């Protein structure tokens, strides 16, 4: 798995967009006490369930893999000239 440039910033943006997506899908908002790990896993599973991203293989389904998959997802949704992609 090749690390993306600005991957941590992309993950942060993916969580932000993912929270909005989850709320629009009817998921109640995340609480302030939810950890980033919980948010990442919840958003990842929602996107896999909605077939917006491909699931990771069972043996490679960990937090790093989920973060990378979310970063890849948001990178594909951003416009080409977005600062996070440079």
N, C-alpha and C. Protein backbone atom coordinates (compact mmCIF):
# COMPACT_ATOMS: atom_id res chain seq x y z
N UNK A 1 0.85 -1.16 0.00
CA UNK A 1 0.00 0.00 0.00
C UNK A 1 0.90 1.23 0.00
N UNK A 2 0.78 2.03 -1.05
CA UNK A 2 1.59 3.22 -1.20
C UNK A 2 0.94 4.39 -0.47
N UNK A 3 1.71 5.05 0.38
CA UNK A 3 1.19 6.18 1.12
C UNK A 3 1.01 7.38 0.18
N UNK A 4 -0.10 8.05 0.34
CA UNK A 4 -0.40 9.24 -0.46
C UNK A 4 0.25 10.47 0.14
N UNK A 5 0.50 11.48 -0.70
CA UNK A 5 0.93 12.76 -0.17
C UNK A 5 -0.24 13.34 0.61
N UNK A 6 0.05 13.96 1.73
CA UNK A 6 -0.98 14.58 2.57
C UNK A 6 -2.04 13.58 3.03
N UNK A 7 -1.66 12.33 3.25
CA UNK A 7 -2.66 11.31 3.59
C UNK A 7 -3.40 11.65 4.88
N UNK A 8 -2.71 12.15 5.88
CA UNK A 8 -3.39 12.46 7.15
C UNK A 8 -4.41 13.58 6.96
N UNK A 9 -4.07 14.59 6.14
CA UNK A 9 -5.02 15.67 5.86
C UNK A 9 -6.19 15.16 5.03
N UNK A 10 -5.92 14.22 4.12
CA UNK A 10 -6.99 13.64 3.32
C UNK A 10 -7.94 12.83 4.20
N UNK A 11 -7.39 12.10 5.17
CA UNK A 11 -8.22 11.32 6.09
C UNK A 11 -9.10 12.27 6.91
N UNK A 12 -8.52 13.35 7.37
CA UNK A 12 -9.28 14.34 8.14
C UNK A 12 -10.44 14.89 7.30
N UNK A 13 -10.16 15.21 6.03
CA UNK A 13 -11.20 15.71 5.13
C UNK A 13 -12.24 14.63 4.87
N UNK A 14 -11.81 13.37 4.72
CA UNK A 14 -12.73 12.27 4.48
C UNK A 14 -13.66 12.07 5.67
N UNK A 15 -13.14 12.21 6.87
CA UNK A 15 -13.98 12.08 8.07
C UNK A 15 -15.00 13.21 8.11
N UNK A 16 -14.56 14.40 7.77
CA UNK A 16 -15.46 15.56 7.75
C UNK A 16 -16.60 15.34 6.74
N UNK A 17 -16.25 14.94 5.53
CA UNK A 17 -17.26 14.70 4.49
C UNK A 17 -18.09 13.47 4.84
N UNK A 18 -17.44 12.45 5.38
CA UNK A 18 -18.14 11.23 5.76
C UNK A 18 -19.17 11.46 6.84
N UNK A 19 -18.86 12.34 7.79
CA UNK A 19 -19.83 12.67 8.84
C UNK A 19 -21.08 13.31 8.23
N UNK A 20 -20.87 14.22 7.28
CA UNK A 20 -22.02 14.85 6.61
C UNK A 20 -22.82 13.82 5.83
N UNK A 21 -22.11 12.91 5.15
CA UNK A 21 -22.78 11.87 4.38
C UNK A 21 -23.61 10.97 5.31
N UNK A 22 -23.03 10.59 6.43
CA UNK A 22 -23.73 9.72 7.38
C UNK A 22 -24.98 10.42 7.93
N UNK A 23 -24.84 11.70 8.22
CA UNK A 23 -25.99 12.45 8.74
C UNK A 23 -27.09 12.52 7.69
N UNK A 24 -26.73 12.73 6.43
CA UNK A 24 -27.73 12.77 5.36
C UNK A 24 -28.39 11.42 5.13
N UNK A 25 -27.69 10.36 5.48
CA UNK A 25 -28.24 9.01 5.33
C UNK A 25 -29.13 8.61 6.51
N UNK A 26 -29.21 9.49 7.52
CA UNK A 26 -30.09 9.20 8.65
C UNK A 26 -29.37 8.77 9.90
N UNK A 27 -28.05 8.68 9.86
CA UNK A 27 -27.28 8.32 11.04
C UNK A 27 -27.27 9.52 11.97
N UNK A 28 -27.56 9.28 13.23
CA UNK A 28 -27.51 10.41 14.16
C UNK A 28 -26.07 10.91 14.25
N UNK A 29 -25.90 12.14 14.56
CA UNK A 29 -24.57 12.75 14.54
C UNK A 29 -23.64 12.07 15.53
N UNK A 30 -22.35 12.17 15.25
CA UNK A 30 -21.35 11.64 16.15
C UNK A 30 -21.29 12.52 17.39
N UNK A 31 -21.04 11.91 18.53
CA UNK A 31 -20.93 12.71 19.75
C UNK A 31 -19.49 13.18 19.91
N UNK A 32 -19.30 14.14 20.78
CA UNK A 32 -17.97 14.70 21.01
C UNK A 32 -17.05 13.68 21.67
N UNK A 33 -17.62 12.66 22.28
CA UNK A 33 -16.80 11.67 22.96
C UNK A 33 -16.38 10.51 22.06
N UNK A 34 -16.91 10.47 20.84
CA UNK A 34 -16.52 9.41 19.91
C UNK A 34 -15.08 9.64 19.47
N UNK A 35 -14.30 8.58 19.51
CA UNK A 35 -12.90 8.70 19.11
C UNK A 35 -12.80 8.74 17.59
N UNK A 36 -11.67 9.20 17.10
CA UNK A 36 -11.48 9.25 15.65
C UNK A 36 -11.48 7.84 15.07
N UNK A 37 -11.00 6.87 15.83
CA UNK A 37 -11.00 5.47 15.37
C UNK A 37 -12.43 5.00 15.14
N UNK A 38 -13.33 5.33 16.05
CA UNK A 38 -14.73 4.93 15.92
C UNK A 38 -15.36 5.60 14.70
N UNK A 39 -15.07 6.88 14.51
CA UNK A 39 -15.61 7.60 13.37
C UNK A 39 -15.11 7.01 12.06
N UNK A 40 -13.82 6.74 12.00
CA UNK A 40 -13.23 6.18 10.78
C UNK A 40 -13.85 4.84 10.45
N UNK A 41 -13.97 3.97 11.45
CA UNK A 41 -14.54 2.64 11.21
C UNK A 41 -16.00 2.74 10.79
N UNK A 42 -16.76 3.60 11.44
CA UNK A 42 -18.18 3.76 11.10
C UNK A 42 -18.35 4.28 9.68
N UNK A 43 -17.59 5.30 9.32
CA UNK A 43 -17.69 5.88 7.97
C UNK A 43 -17.23 4.88 6.93
N UNK A 44 -16.15 4.16 7.22
CA UNK A 44 -15.66 3.13 6.30
C UNK A 44 -16.75 2.08 6.04
N UNK A 45 -17.35 1.58 7.11
CA UNK A 45 -18.37 0.53 6.96
C UNK A 45 -19.61 1.05 6.23
N UNK A 46 -19.98 2.30 6.47
CA UNK A 46 -21.12 2.89 5.77
C UNK A 46 -20.83 2.99 4.27
N UNK A 47 -19.64 3.45 3.92
CA UNK A 47 -19.28 3.59 2.50
C UNK A 47 -19.18 2.24 1.81
N UNK A 48 -18.68 1.23 2.52
CA UNK A 48 -18.63 -0.12 1.96
C UNK A 48 -20.05 -0.65 1.77
N UNK A 49 -20.89 -0.44 2.77
CA UNK A 49 -22.28 -0.91 2.69
C UNK A 49 -23.01 -0.27 1.51
N UNK A 50 -22.74 1.01 1.25
CA UNK A 50 -23.38 1.72 0.15
C UNK A 50 -22.64 1.51 -1.18
N UNK A 51 -21.61 0.67 -1.16
CA UNK A 51 -20.83 0.32 -2.35
C UNK A 51 -20.15 1.54 -3.00
N UNK A 52 -19.73 2.49 -2.15
CA UNK A 52 -19.00 3.65 -2.65
C UNK A 52 -17.49 3.40 -2.64
N UNK A 53 -17.05 2.46 -1.80
CA UNK A 53 -15.65 2.03 -1.81
C UNK A 53 -15.62 0.51 -1.72
N UNK A 54 -14.54 -0.05 -2.21
CA UNK A 54 -14.38 -1.51 -2.16
C UNK A 54 -13.92 -1.91 -0.76
N UNK A 55 -14.43 -3.01 -0.25
CA UNK A 55 -14.01 -3.45 1.09
C UNK A 55 -12.59 -4.00 1.07
N UNK A 56 -11.94 -3.87 2.20
CA UNK A 56 -10.62 -4.46 2.37
C UNK A 56 -10.77 -5.97 2.58
N UNK A 57 -9.76 -6.76 2.24
CA UNK A 57 -9.82 -8.19 2.57
C UNK A 57 -9.91 -8.36 4.09
N UNK A 58 -10.57 -9.41 4.54
CA UNK A 58 -10.79 -9.64 5.97
C UNK A 58 -9.49 -9.60 6.77
N UNK A 59 -8.43 -10.20 6.26
CA UNK A 59 -7.18 -10.27 7.01
C UNK A 59 -6.42 -8.94 7.03
N UNK A 60 -6.81 -7.99 6.19
CA UNK A 60 -6.13 -6.69 6.14
C UNK A 60 -7.03 -5.56 6.62
N UNK A 61 -8.13 -5.89 7.24
CA UNK A 61 -9.07 -4.88 7.71
C UNK A 61 -8.61 -4.36 9.07
N UNK A 62 -7.81 -3.30 9.04
CA UNK A 62 -7.33 -2.65 10.25
C UNK A 62 -7.46 -1.15 10.10
N UNK A 63 -7.11 -0.42 11.14
CA UNK A 63 -7.30 1.03 11.12
C UNK A 63 -6.48 1.70 10.02
N UNK A 64 -5.24 1.27 9.82
CA UNK A 64 -4.41 1.86 8.77
C UNK A 64 -5.00 1.63 7.39
N UNK A 65 -5.51 0.44 7.16
CA UNK A 65 -6.13 0.13 5.87
C UNK A 65 -7.39 0.96 5.65
N UNK A 66 -8.18 1.12 6.70
CA UNK A 66 -9.41 1.91 6.59
C UNK A 66 -9.08 3.38 6.31
N UNK A 67 -8.07 3.90 7.00
CA UNK A 67 -7.65 5.29 6.77
C UNK A 67 -7.20 5.48 5.33
N UNK A 68 -6.40 4.53 4.85
CA UNK A 68 -5.89 4.62 3.48
C UNK A 68 -7.04 4.57 2.47
N UNK A 69 -7.99 3.69 2.70
CA UNK A 69 -9.14 3.56 1.80
C UNK A 69 -9.96 4.84 1.79
N UNK A 70 -10.15 5.44 2.97
CA UNK A 70 -10.89 6.71 3.03
C UNK A 70 -10.13 7.83 2.34
N UNK A 71 -8.81 7.84 2.49
CA UNK A 71 -7.99 8.87 1.82
C UNK A 71 -8.07 8.70 0.31
N UNK A 72 -8.05 7.48 -0.17
CA UNK A 72 -8.17 7.22 -1.61
C UNK A 72 -9.55 7.65 -2.11
N UNK A 73 -10.58 7.39 -1.32
CA UNK A 73 -11.95 7.76 -1.70
C UNK A 73 -12.08 9.27 -1.84
N UNK A 74 -11.61 10.01 -0.84
CA UNK A 74 -11.78 11.46 -0.89
C UNK A 74 -10.88 12.07 -1.95
N UNK A 75 -9.72 11.49 -2.19
CA UNK A 75 -8.82 12.01 -3.22
C UNK A 75 -9.46 11.88 -4.60
N UNK A 76 -10.26 10.83 -4.79
CA UNK A 76 -10.92 10.66 -6.08
C UNK A 76 -12.11 11.61 -6.25
N UNK A 77 -12.63 12.14 -5.15
CA UNK A 77 -13.79 13.03 -5.19
C UNK A 77 -13.41 14.51 -5.28
N UNK A 78 -12.18 14.84 -4.90
CA UNK A 78 -11.76 16.24 -4.92
C UNK A 78 -11.39 16.68 -6.33
N UNK A 79 -11.55 17.96 -6.63
CA UNK A 79 -11.14 18.44 -7.96
C UNK A 79 -9.62 18.34 -8.12
N UNK A 80 -9.17 18.22 -9.36
CA UNK A 80 -7.74 18.00 -9.63
C UNK A 80 -6.83 19.08 -9.06
N UNK A 81 -7.31 20.32 -8.99
CA UNK A 81 -6.47 21.41 -8.53
C UNK A 81 -6.61 21.69 -7.03
N UNK A 82 -7.20 20.78 -6.27
CA UNK A 82 -7.38 20.96 -4.84
C UNK A 82 -6.01 20.94 -4.15
N UNK A 83 -5.79 21.83 -3.17
CA UNK A 83 -4.48 21.90 -2.50
C UNK A 83 -4.03 20.60 -1.83
N UNK A 84 -4.95 19.77 -1.36
CA UNK A 84 -4.57 18.53 -0.71
C UNK A 84 -3.98 17.51 -1.68
N UNK A 85 -4.22 17.68 -2.96
CA UNK A 85 -3.73 16.73 -3.96
C UNK A 85 -2.37 17.13 -4.52
N UNK A 86 -1.85 18.26 -4.10
CA UNK A 86 -0.57 18.74 -4.62
C UNK A 86 0.58 18.32 -3.73
